[in-house]
N, C-alpha and C. Protein backbone atom coordinates (compact mmCIF):
# COMPACT_ATOMS: atom_id res chain seq x y z
N MET A 1 17.80 -4.59 -11.42
CA MET A 1 16.60 -3.82 -12.38
C MET A 1 16.51 -2.90 -12.75
N HIS A 2 16.04 -2.39 -13.82
CA HIS A 2 15.86 -0.57 -14.34
C HIS A 2 14.55 -0.32 -13.68
N ARG A 3 14.82 1.07 -13.38
CA ARG A 3 14.07 1.14 -12.31
C ARG A 3 12.08 1.33 -13.64
N ASP A 4 12.32 1.39 -14.87
CA ASP A 4 11.34 1.08 -14.98
C ASP A 4 10.24 -0.66 -15.36
N GLN A 5 10.91 -0.67 -15.51
CA GLN A 5 10.74 -2.17 -15.31
C GLN A 5 10.36 -2.73 -13.78
N ILE A 6 11.76 -2.21 -12.76
CA ILE A 6 10.81 -1.79 -10.61
C ILE A 6 9.13 -1.47 -10.71
N LEU A 7 9.22 -0.32 -11.71
CA LEU A 7 7.07 0.25 -11.38
C LEU A 7 6.40 -1.23 -12.39
N ASP A 8 7.30 -0.91 -14.06
CA ASP A 8 6.25 -2.45 -15.07
C ASP A 8 5.76 -3.18 -13.77
N SER A 9 6.37 -3.81 -12.62
CA SER A 9 6.49 -5.27 -12.85
C SER A 9 5.65 -4.85 -11.46
N ALA A 10 6.53 -3.69 -10.55
CA ALA A 10 5.01 -4.17 -9.42
C ALA A 10 3.68 -3.57 -9.88
N LYS A 11 3.32 -2.90 -10.59
CA LYS A 11 2.13 -2.42 -11.25
C LYS A 11 1.60 -3.48 -11.61
N ALA A 12 2.01 -4.54 -12.23
CA ALA A 12 1.28 -5.72 -13.02
C ALA A 12 0.66 -6.90 -11.81
N LEU A 13 2.12 -6.92 -10.44
CA LEU A 13 1.12 -7.72 -9.46
C LEU A 13 0.94 -6.96 -8.96
N ILE A 14 0.25 -5.50 -8.41
CA ILE A 14 -1.00 -5.08 -7.86
C ILE A 14 -1.86 -4.87 -8.33
N SER A 15 -1.60 -5.32 -9.81
CA SER A 15 -3.58 -5.19 -10.57
C SER A 15 -3.37 -6.00 -10.84
N GLY A 16 -3.03 -7.40 -10.97
CA GLY A 16 -2.74 -8.23 -11.27
C GLY A 16 -2.42 -9.69 -10.44
N GLU A 17 -1.84 -10.67 -10.18
CA GLU A 17 -0.93 -11.88 -10.03
C GLU A 17 -1.74 -11.36 -8.39
N ARG A 18 -1.35 -10.45 -7.74
CA ARG A 18 -2.50 -10.17 -6.05
C ARG A 18 -3.41 -9.68 -6.05
N ASP A 19 -4.06 -9.12 -6.74
CA ASP A 19 -5.30 -8.35 -6.58
C ASP A 19 -5.77 -10.24 -7.25
N GLY A 20 -5.57 -10.88 -7.74
CA GLY A 20 -6.63 -11.82 -8.23
C GLY A 20 -6.29 -13.23 -6.60
N GLU A 21 -5.33 -13.02 -5.94
CA GLU A 21 -5.27 -14.18 -4.95
C GLU A 21 -5.21 -13.15 -3.26
N TYR A 22 -5.23 -12.15 -3.70
CA TYR A 22 -5.51 -11.36 -2.30
C TYR A 22 -7.07 -10.75 -2.19
N GLY A 23 -7.25 -10.19 -2.88
CA GLY A 23 -8.32 -9.52 -3.54
C GLY A 23 -8.44 -7.78 -3.59
N ASP A 24 -9.43 -7.39 -2.88
CA ASP A 24 -9.79 -6.03 -3.33
C ASP A 24 -8.05 -5.04 -1.74
N PRO A 25 -7.77 -4.14 -2.05
CA PRO A 25 -6.61 -4.14 -1.15
C PRO A 25 -7.06 -3.07 -0.07
N ARG A 26 -8.17 -1.94 -0.57
CA ARG A 26 -9.24 -2.39 0.45
C ARG A 26 -9.87 -3.03 1.36
N LYS A 27 -10.47 -4.40 1.50
CA LYS A 27 -11.04 -4.66 2.03
C LYS A 27 -10.45 -6.13 2.28
N ASN A 28 -9.34 -5.99 2.00
CA ASN A 28 -7.98 -6.28 2.61
C ASN A 28 -6.97 -5.96 3.78
N PHE A 29 -6.56 -4.41 4.07
CA PHE A 29 -6.77 -3.41 4.56
C PHE A 29 -7.04 -3.13 5.73
N GLU A 30 -8.07 -3.12 5.58
CA GLU A 30 -9.51 -2.40 6.40
C GLU A 30 -9.32 -3.92 7.23
N LEU A 31 -9.24 -5.08 6.85
CA LEU A 31 -9.58 -6.28 7.38
C LEU A 31 -7.91 -6.05 8.86
N ILE A 32 -7.04 -6.14 7.93
CA ILE A 32 -5.89 -6.03 8.48
C ILE A 32 -5.81 -4.49 9.88
N GLY A 33 -6.18 -3.53 8.63
CA GLY A 33 -6.12 -2.30 10.21
C GLY A 33 -6.69 -2.70 11.17
N ALA A 34 -8.20 -2.96 11.32
CA ALA A 34 -9.57 -4.12 12.35
C ALA A 34 -8.65 -4.98 13.44
N ARG A 35 -8.00 -6.10 13.04
CA ARG A 35 -7.36 -6.93 13.62
C ARG A 35 -5.33 -4.98 14.75
N TRP A 36 -5.37 -5.32 13.82
CA TRP A 36 -4.34 -4.28 14.54
C TRP A 36 -3.99 -2.63 15.72
N SER A 37 -5.24 -2.90 15.25
CA SER A 37 -5.73 -2.03 16.06
C SER A 37 -6.78 -2.32 17.50
N GLN A 38 -7.45 -3.45 17.26
CA GLN A 38 -7.96 -4.95 18.87
C GLN A 38 -5.87 -4.73 19.40
N ILE A 39 -5.15 -4.79 18.54
CA ILE A 39 -3.49 -5.51 19.54
C ILE A 39 -2.93 -4.23 19.74
N LEU A 40 -3.22 -2.56 18.93
CA LEU A 40 -2.71 -1.93 19.17
C LEU A 40 -3.32 -1.19 21.01
N GLY A 41 -4.37 -1.21 20.19
CA GLY A 41 -5.34 0.18 20.71
C GLY A 41 -5.30 1.12 20.54
N VAL A 42 -5.13 1.35 19.03
CA VAL A 42 -5.39 2.59 18.16
C VAL A 42 -6.50 2.05 16.76
N THR A 43 -6.84 4.01 16.80
CA THR A 43 -7.57 2.88 15.17
C THR A 43 -5.77 3.19 14.17
N VAL A 44 -6.21 1.78 13.48
CA VAL A 44 -5.18 2.34 12.18
C VAL A 44 -5.88 2.20 11.18
N ASP A 45 -5.96 3.19 10.23
CA ASP A 45 -6.60 3.12 8.88
C ASP A 45 -6.01 2.15 7.51
N PRO A 46 -6.12 1.98 6.81
CA PRO A 46 -5.82 1.00 5.93
C PRO A 46 -4.93 1.21 4.74
N TRP A 47 -4.62 3.39 4.72
CA TRP A 47 -3.62 3.51 4.24
C TRP A 47 -2.90 3.63 5.01
N GLN A 48 -2.65 3.65 6.62
CA GLN A 48 -1.63 3.33 7.29
C GLN A 48 -0.75 1.56 7.54
N VAL A 49 -2.22 0.61 7.28
CA VAL A 49 -1.70 -0.52 6.69
C VAL A 49 -0.44 -0.57 5.88
N ALA A 50 -0.80 -0.46 4.79
CA ALA A 50 -0.08 -0.17 3.70
C ALA A 50 1.48 0.36 3.71
N LEU A 51 1.33 1.71 4.64
CA LEU A 51 2.11 1.90 5.00
C LEU A 51 3.15 1.29 5.51
N MET A 52 2.99 0.55 6.92
CA MET A 52 3.88 0.54 8.00
C MET A 52 4.41 -0.96 6.83
N MET A 53 3.42 -1.57 5.91
CA MET A 53 3.67 -3.10 5.27
C MET A 53 5.55 -1.83 3.84
N ALA A 54 4.86 -1.03 3.84
CA ALA A 54 6.25 -0.72 2.97
C ALA A 54 7.37 -0.19 3.62
N ASP A 55 7.27 -0.08 5.04
CA ASP A 55 8.30 0.01 6.27
C ASP A 55 8.82 -0.85 6.38
N LEU A 56 7.94 -2.30 6.14
CA LEU A 56 9.01 -3.23 6.32
C LEU A 56 9.79 -3.41 5.18
N LYS A 57 9.75 -3.03 4.73
CA LYS A 57 9.79 -4.28 3.19
C LYS A 57 11.34 -3.06 2.92
N ILE A 58 11.37 -1.47 3.73
CA ILE A 58 12.48 -0.65 3.57
C ILE A 58 13.29 -0.97 4.65
N ALA A 59 12.60 -1.58 6.06
CA ALA A 59 13.61 -2.47 7.30
C ALA A 59 14.36 -3.79 7.02
N ARG A 60 13.58 -4.69 6.11
CA ARG A 60 14.25 -5.92 5.13
C ARG A 60 15.82 -5.40 4.08
N ALA A 61 16.03 -4.05 3.07
CA ALA A 61 15.83 -3.94 2.59
C ALA A 61 17.22 -3.60 3.03
N ILE A 62 16.91 -2.58 3.89
CA ILE A 62 18.22 -2.56 5.06
C ILE A 62 19.48 -3.75 5.25
N THR A 63 18.35 -4.49 5.80
CA THR A 63 19.23 -5.78 6.79
C THR A 63 19.51 -6.83 6.00
N GLY A 64 18.86 -7.54 5.08
CA GLY A 64 18.97 -8.47 4.00
C GLY A 64 19.81 -8.43 2.74
N LYS A 65 19.94 -9.41 2.32
CA LYS A 65 19.92 -9.59 1.25
C LYS A 65 19.52 -8.74 -0.33
N HIS A 66 19.53 -8.40 -1.21
CA HIS A 66 19.72 -7.66 -1.88
C HIS A 66 18.32 -8.52 -3.33
N LYS A 67 16.62 -8.37 -2.96
CA LYS A 67 15.94 -8.89 -3.96
C LYS A 67 15.42 -8.54 -4.48
N ASP A 68 14.54 -8.49 -5.61
CA ASP A 68 13.88 -7.23 -6.42
C ASP A 68 13.13 -7.82 -5.82
N ASP A 69 12.40 -8.29 -5.09
CA ASP A 69 11.06 -8.77 -4.99
C ASP A 69 10.97 -7.81 -3.72
N THR A 70 11.37 -7.63 -3.04
CA THR A 70 11.77 -6.23 -1.71
C THR A 70 11.13 -5.28 -2.22
N PHE A 71 11.98 -4.63 -2.91
CA PHE A 71 11.22 -3.88 -4.26
C PHE A 71 10.17 -3.35 -5.07
N LEU A 72 9.50 -4.90 -5.29
CA LEU A 72 8.84 -3.90 -5.83
C LEU A 72 7.37 -4.67 -4.94
N ASP A 73 7.84 -5.01 -3.82
CA ASP A 73 6.46 -5.30 -3.50
C ASP A 73 6.38 -3.92 -2.45
N LEU A 74 7.55 -3.34 -2.46
CA LEU A 74 7.57 -1.81 -1.37
C LEU A 74 6.68 -0.54 -2.65
N VAL A 75 6.75 -0.54 -3.96
CA VAL A 75 6.64 -0.08 -4.84
C VAL A 75 5.50 -0.02 -4.57
N GLY A 76 4.61 -1.44 -4.82
CA GLY A 76 3.09 -2.33 -4.36
C GLY A 76 2.85 -1.31 -3.58
N TYR A 77 3.28 -1.52 -1.79
CA TYR A 77 3.07 -1.07 -0.85
C TYR A 77 2.41 0.36 -0.65
N ALA A 78 3.55 1.47 -1.89
CA ALA A 78 2.95 2.69 -1.48
C ALA A 78 2.15 3.05 -2.77
N ALA A 79 1.89 2.69 -3.44
CA ALA A 79 1.25 3.31 -4.48
C ALA A 79 -0.23 2.78 -3.83
N ILE A 80 -0.59 1.23 -3.28
CA ILE A 80 -1.85 1.03 -2.72
C ILE A 80 -1.73 2.16 -1.09
N ALA A 81 -1.01 2.39 -0.10
CA ALA A 81 -1.60 3.63 0.40
C ALA A 81 -1.92 4.69 -0.09
N GLY A 82 -1.04 5.01 -1.89
CA GLY A 82 -1.56 6.30 -2.02
C GLY A 82 -2.89 6.67 -2.58
N GLU A 83 -3.83 5.04 -3.15
CA GLU A 83 -4.79 4.96 -3.71
C GLU A 83 -5.54 4.23 -2.12
N LEU A 84 -5.81 4.42 -1.24
CA LEU A 84 -6.35 3.82 -0.16
C LEU A 84 -6.24 5.40 0.78
N ALA A 85 -5.32 6.59 0.71
CA ALA A 85 -5.44 7.46 1.07
C ALA A 85 -7.01 9.18 1.30
N GLY A 86 -6.83 8.59 0.04
CA GLY A 86 -8.01 9.42 -0.98
C GLY A 86 -9.05 8.30 -0.76
N PRO A 87 -10.22 8.53 -1.86
CA PRO A 87 -11.85 8.11 -1.99
C PRO A 87 -11.78 7.07 -2.64
N PRO A 88 -12.45 6.41 -2.88
CA PRO A 88 -13.01 4.79 -3.46
C PRO A 88 -11.84 5.20 -4.79
N VAL A 89 -11.62 4.03 -5.07
CA VAL A 89 -11.43 4.69 -7.09
C VAL A 89 -12.95 4.66 -7.37
N ASN A 90 -13.80 3.98 -7.04
CA ASN A 90 -14.92 4.06 -7.95
C ASN A 90 -15.28 5.01 -7.85
N SER A 91 -15.11 6.12 -7.41
CA SER A 91 -15.82 7.47 -6.08
C SER A 91 -15.33 8.51 -7.64
N TRP A 92 -14.52 8.39 -8.41
CA TRP A 92 -13.82 9.18 -8.98
C TRP A 92 -15.09 9.78 -10.10
N PRO A 93 -14.93 11.21 -10.00
CA PRO A 93 -16.19 11.49 -11.32
C PRO A 93 -14.64 10.72 -12.67
N LYS A 94 -15.81 10.19 -13.54
CA LYS A 94 -14.44 9.65 -14.74
C LYS A 94 -13.81 10.33 -15.19
N GLY A 95 -12.02 10.48 -16.11
CA GLY A 95 -11.12 10.91 -15.74
C GLY A 95 -10.83 11.85 -15.07
N THR A 96 -11.42 11.59 -13.85
CA THR A 96 -9.84 13.05 -12.81
C THR A 96 -9.52 11.27 -12.07
N SER A 97 -9.13 12.64 -10.38
CA SER A 97 -8.14 12.05 -9.61
C SER A 97 -8.28 12.97 -8.16
N PRO A 98 -8.28 11.70 -7.34
CA PRO A 98 -9.22 11.70 -6.17
C PRO A 98 -8.18 13.47 -5.74
N SER A 99 -8.66 13.45 -4.13
CA SER A 99 -8.17 14.94 -3.65
C SER A 99 -6.55 14.42 -2.90
N PRO A 100 -6.01 15.26 -2.82
CA PRO A 100 -4.68 15.00 -2.33
C PRO A 100 -4.47 14.03 -1.29
N ILE A 101 -3.84 13.42 -1.33
CA ILE A 101 -3.21 12.34 0.28
C ILE A 101 -3.47 13.25 1.68
N LYS A 102 -4.93 12.59 2.67
CA LYS A 102 -4.09 13.63 3.80
C LYS A 102 -3.77 13.72 4.68
N PRO A 103 -2.90 14.70 5.18
CA PRO A 103 -1.51 14.90 5.94
C PRO A 103 -1.37 13.40 6.97
N TRP A 104 -0.24 13.65 7.72
CA TRP A 104 -0.31 12.99 8.53
C TRP A 104 -0.99 13.04 10.09
N PRO A 105 -1.51 11.91 10.32
CA PRO A 105 -2.60 12.21 10.97
C PRO A 105 -2.10 12.34 12.04
N VAL A 106 -0.59 12.46 13.06
CA VAL A 106 -0.03 12.24 13.94
C VAL A 106 0.19 13.54 14.11
N GLU A 107 -0.05 14.27 15.62
CA GLU A 107 0.79 15.87 15.13
C GLU A 107 1.75 15.37 17.07
N PHE A 108 2.55 16.09 16.57
CA PHE A 108 3.83 16.33 17.68
C PHE A 108 4.04 17.57 17.57
């Protein structure tokens, strides 16, 4: 699959079919983050949930057979992570983008 097809297909999925199936990504990933926070004992923000889901897809790509769906999901999760890292989309002034993505909160 060509990279343009991957991007276009991922966009269609996360803004169409999957959005219809799972609802607003921010609400969905807030719920997942709250559940993971209880299990892990640390706060997991929605944008971090999306990054971890993308990482799951990377692990599957490395260890499994090639499936276009894996890469579509990976691109979709990355796009959602980028969106969730900023302010809610409906708070952006018309024709603008949010502030840059927050730096990784973990100190080394």
